Amino acid sequence: MKKIGRISALNTRVVRKNSVVSLSIIVDKMRFSETFSPKIYKYEVGDLVQIKYKKVGFLNKIETIRLIAKSSEEFRSFCKDYKFDLYAWLFLFMLYCISLYLLWGYVGI
C-alpha cells in the first residue's frame, strides 16, 4: 500500500550507536515505523513524503520512504526576507511615480 502526505509527528531513537536509528512518524493520522541507517536519515516535520508500507498486525511497517518536498526553516526565513524587500522596492517605485506625476504637473510638460 502507498501513502502520500506531510509528516506531522516525528520520533527518533538511536538503537545502536552509529548503526541503527528507529523512526516513528505520523502521516495523515497514520503511524508508521521502521529502523534506518543514520546516514540516510534526513526527514523533518512538515516534509512531504511518499511511503510504501506493509500492514503487520496493528503496525504499519515502512518498506520504502521517498522525500518529495522539503520543508525547512531556512527556506521560510528567506521567503520572509524576500517579501520584505519586495514591499520596500514597491514603496520606493510608488514614491518615484508620485514624484514624476507632481513634477510633470508643476512644470506643465
Protein backbone atom coordinates (compact mmCIF):
# COMPACT_ATOMS: atom_id res chain seq x y z
CA MET A 1 0.00 0.00 0.00
CA LYS A 2 1.11 3.59 -0.61
CA LYS A 3 0.51 6.81 1.27
CA ILE A 4 1.48 10.39 0.34
CA GLY A 5 1.34 13.18 2.89
CA ARG A 6 3.16 15.57 5.18
CA ILE A 7 4.94 14.37 8.31
CA SER A 8 3.00 15.72 11.30
CA ALA A 9 4.97 14.00 14.08
CA LEU A 10 8.46 12.54 14.10
CA ASN A 11 10.08 10.46 16.83
CA THR A 12 13.59 9.06 16.58
CA ARG A 13 15.60 6.83 18.85
CA VAL A 14 19.17 5.55 18.49
CA VAL A 15 19.03 1.76 18.78
CA ARG A 16 22.73 1.03 18.27
CA LYS A 17 25.35 3.77 18.34
CA ASN A 18 26.10 4.99 14.78
CA SER A 19 24.47 1.96 13.18
CA VAL A 20 20.64 1.98 13.55
CA VAL A 21 18.04 4.70 14.13
CA SER A 22 14.43 3.81 14.95
CA LEU A 23 12.00 6.13 13.18
CA SER A 24 8.33 6.56 14.02
CA ILE A 25 6.31 9.08 12.01
CA ILE A 26 2.70 10.12 11.64
CA VAL A 27 1.41 10.96 8.16
CA ASP A 28 -2.27 11.88 7.74
CA LYS A 29 -3.19 10.40 11.15
CA MET A 30 -1.49 7.05 10.37
CA ARG A 31 1.57 5.92 12.34
CA PHE A 32 4.49 4.27 10.54
CA SER A 33 7.68 2.82 12.00
CA GLU A 34 10.96 1.29 10.83
CA THR A 35 14.69 1.23 11.59
CA PHE A 36 17.14 3.00 9.29
CA SER A 37 20.83 3.70 8.94
CA PRO A 38 21.66 7.13 10.40
CA LYS A 39 23.39 8.05 7.13
CA ILE A 40 20.14 8.08 5.15
CA TYR A 41 18.01 9.69 7.85
CA LYS A 42 17.07 13.19 6.60
CA TYR A 43 13.43 13.83 7.45
CA GLU A 44 11.81 16.73 9.35
CA VAL A 45 8.29 17.61 10.46
CA GLY A 46 6.43 19.15 7.52
CA ASP A 47 8.26 17.24 4.77
CA LEU A 48 6.11 15.79 2.00
CA VAL A 49 6.84 12.06 1.68
CA GLN A 50 5.60 9.03 -0.22
CA ILE A 51 5.55 5.88 1.89
CA LYS A 52 5.17 2.33 0.63
CA TYR A 53 4.18 0.23 3.62
CA LYS A 54 3.01 -3.17 4.72
CA LYS A 55 0.47 -3.78 7.49
CA VAL A 56 1.86 -6.16 10.12
CA GLY A 57 -0.76 -6.70 12.79
CA PHE A 58 -1.61 -3.25 14.12
CA LEU A 59 1.70 -1.76 12.93
CA ASN A 60 2.42 -0.12 9.58
CA LYS A 61 5.97 -1.14 8.64
CA ILE A 62 7.72 1.13 6.13
CA GLU A 63 9.10 -0.70 3.09
CA THR A 64 10.29 2.42 1.24
CA ILE A 65 10.08 6.10 2.02
CA ARG A 66 10.74 8.81 -0.56
CA LEU A 67 11.15 12.51 0.08
CA ILE A 68 9.02 14.55 -2.36
CA ALA A 69 9.35 18.09 -0.97
CA LYS A 70 11.46 19.53 1.85
CA SER A 71 10.04 21.91 4.42
CA SER A 72 12.92 23.81 6.01
CA GLU A 73 13.17 26.80 8.28
CA GLU A 74 15.90 28.36 6.13
CA PHE A 75 13.59 28.50 3.12
CA ARG A 76 10.80 30.12 5.16
CA SER A 77 13.10 32.81 6.55
CA PHE A 78 14.44 33.50 3.03
CA CYS A 79 10.87 33.99 1.77
CA LYS A 80 10.05 36.36 4.63
CA ASP A 81 13.15 38.48 3.87
CA TYR A 82 12.40 38.45 0.15
CA LYS A 83 8.81 39.54 0.79
CA PHE A 84 10.03 42.50 2.88
CA ASP A 85 12.47 43.53 0.12
CA LEU A 86 9.69 43.31 -2.47
CA TYR A 87 7.44 45.63 -0.45
CA ALA A 88 10.32 48.08 0.11
CA TRP A 89 11.04 48.25 -3.65
CA LEU A 90 7.33 48.68 -4.45
CA PHE A 91 7.12 51.56 -1.96
CA LEU A 92 10.17 53.27 -3.49
CA PHE A 93 8.76 52.80 -7.00
CA MET A 94 5.44 54.30 -5.88
CA LEU A 95 7.27 57.35 -4.44
CA TYR A 96 9.17 57.72 -7.73
CA CYS A 97 5.93 57.62 -9.75
CA ILE A 98 4.27 60.19 -7.47
CA SER A 99 7.27 62.50 -7.74
CA LEU A 100 7.21 62.26 -11.56
CA TYR A 101 3.48 62.99 -11.60
CA LEU A 102 3.92 66.02 -9.35
CA LEU A 103 6.92 67.28 -11.36
CA TRP A 104 5.07 66.96 -14.67
CA GLY A 105 2.02 68.67 -13.21
CA TYR A 106 4.14 71.54 -11.84
CA VAL A 107 6.27 72.09 -14.97
CA GLY A 108 3.39 71.53 -17.33
CA ILE A 109 5.18 69.21 -19.76
